[in-house]
Amino acid sequence: MARLDGRVAIVTGGARSIGAAFAKGLAAEGAKVVVADLEPADEVLGVIKQAGGEAMGAETDVTSENSCKEVVSKTVESYGRLDILVANAGLWVHLERQAPTEIDVDTWEKVMSVNVKGVWLSAKAAIPEMLKNDYGKIITVASTRAMKGGAGMLHYDASKGAVIGLTRSLAREYGPSGICANIIAPGATDTEISQSLATQTQKERRLASAKARAIKRAEEPDDLVGACIHLASPESDFMSGQTLVVDGGAIVW
């Protein structure tokens, strides 16, 4: 029996990159998966269904409360329940490195809207369905940058620090109701998008990052899937408010 048989999951930002890896991993463990993304999810849905899994796509804007409510409604209508939310959607690869004094207000607000408000609205929509079953798993995605700091991405780093605080408060609020909320904090991860957009400077930075790890290689989306499955499964039913750092041993948390 797979670890997530009978469970239903929503993965925001699940059409590509880390989100797609999460969606495929959860489906491989038996979960019915809803891929919630603004981008078409045909590719990841095809992979899941070809492997014998069950999944559907739902066009979703995590910055819209109505859109978040709609994807939850579609999920329950199609699969009867909601057990797992992986709040993965976020802005990162398309952001320019800028000094704090150069970031404009519009960019700051856009990052906060997607990376923080989007996590809150996704959880806000999902929690009422989880409460009906006295059970749920909320998994958010932060970044090790929020723990160690870094130059050039103040807006991103601040948003991921907020995700950690938000998730810890959800854990306290809903633990008595059987809902666990935990965080995955990746290090710099090589995705198909980041690799295609990388400048020479960024490639050199990634190489330096790999050398600083205990496990001296690039991090890939599949490296994060085991943590996601663990936090989504009954194996972690007595674990909440925690941050799992998955970065090859670059930092010790």
Foldseek 3Di string as FASTA:
>chain_A
DFQQALAEEEQEVLQFFLNLLQQQLNQVSHYEYEYEYQDDNVVSCVVSVVVPGHYYYADADLLDLVRLLVSLVVRCVVRVAHAEYELEWADDLPDWFDAPVPDDPVNLVVRLSTLPSSLVSNCVNRVVRCLVVLAHFYEYEAACCLVVPDHRCVSNSVSSVNVLVVQLVVQVVSVVSHYAGEYEHEYDEDTPSNVVPDDPVRVVVQQVLLCLAPNRDHHGSNQCNVVSSCRSGPVCSVPHSYYHYRYRHNDDD
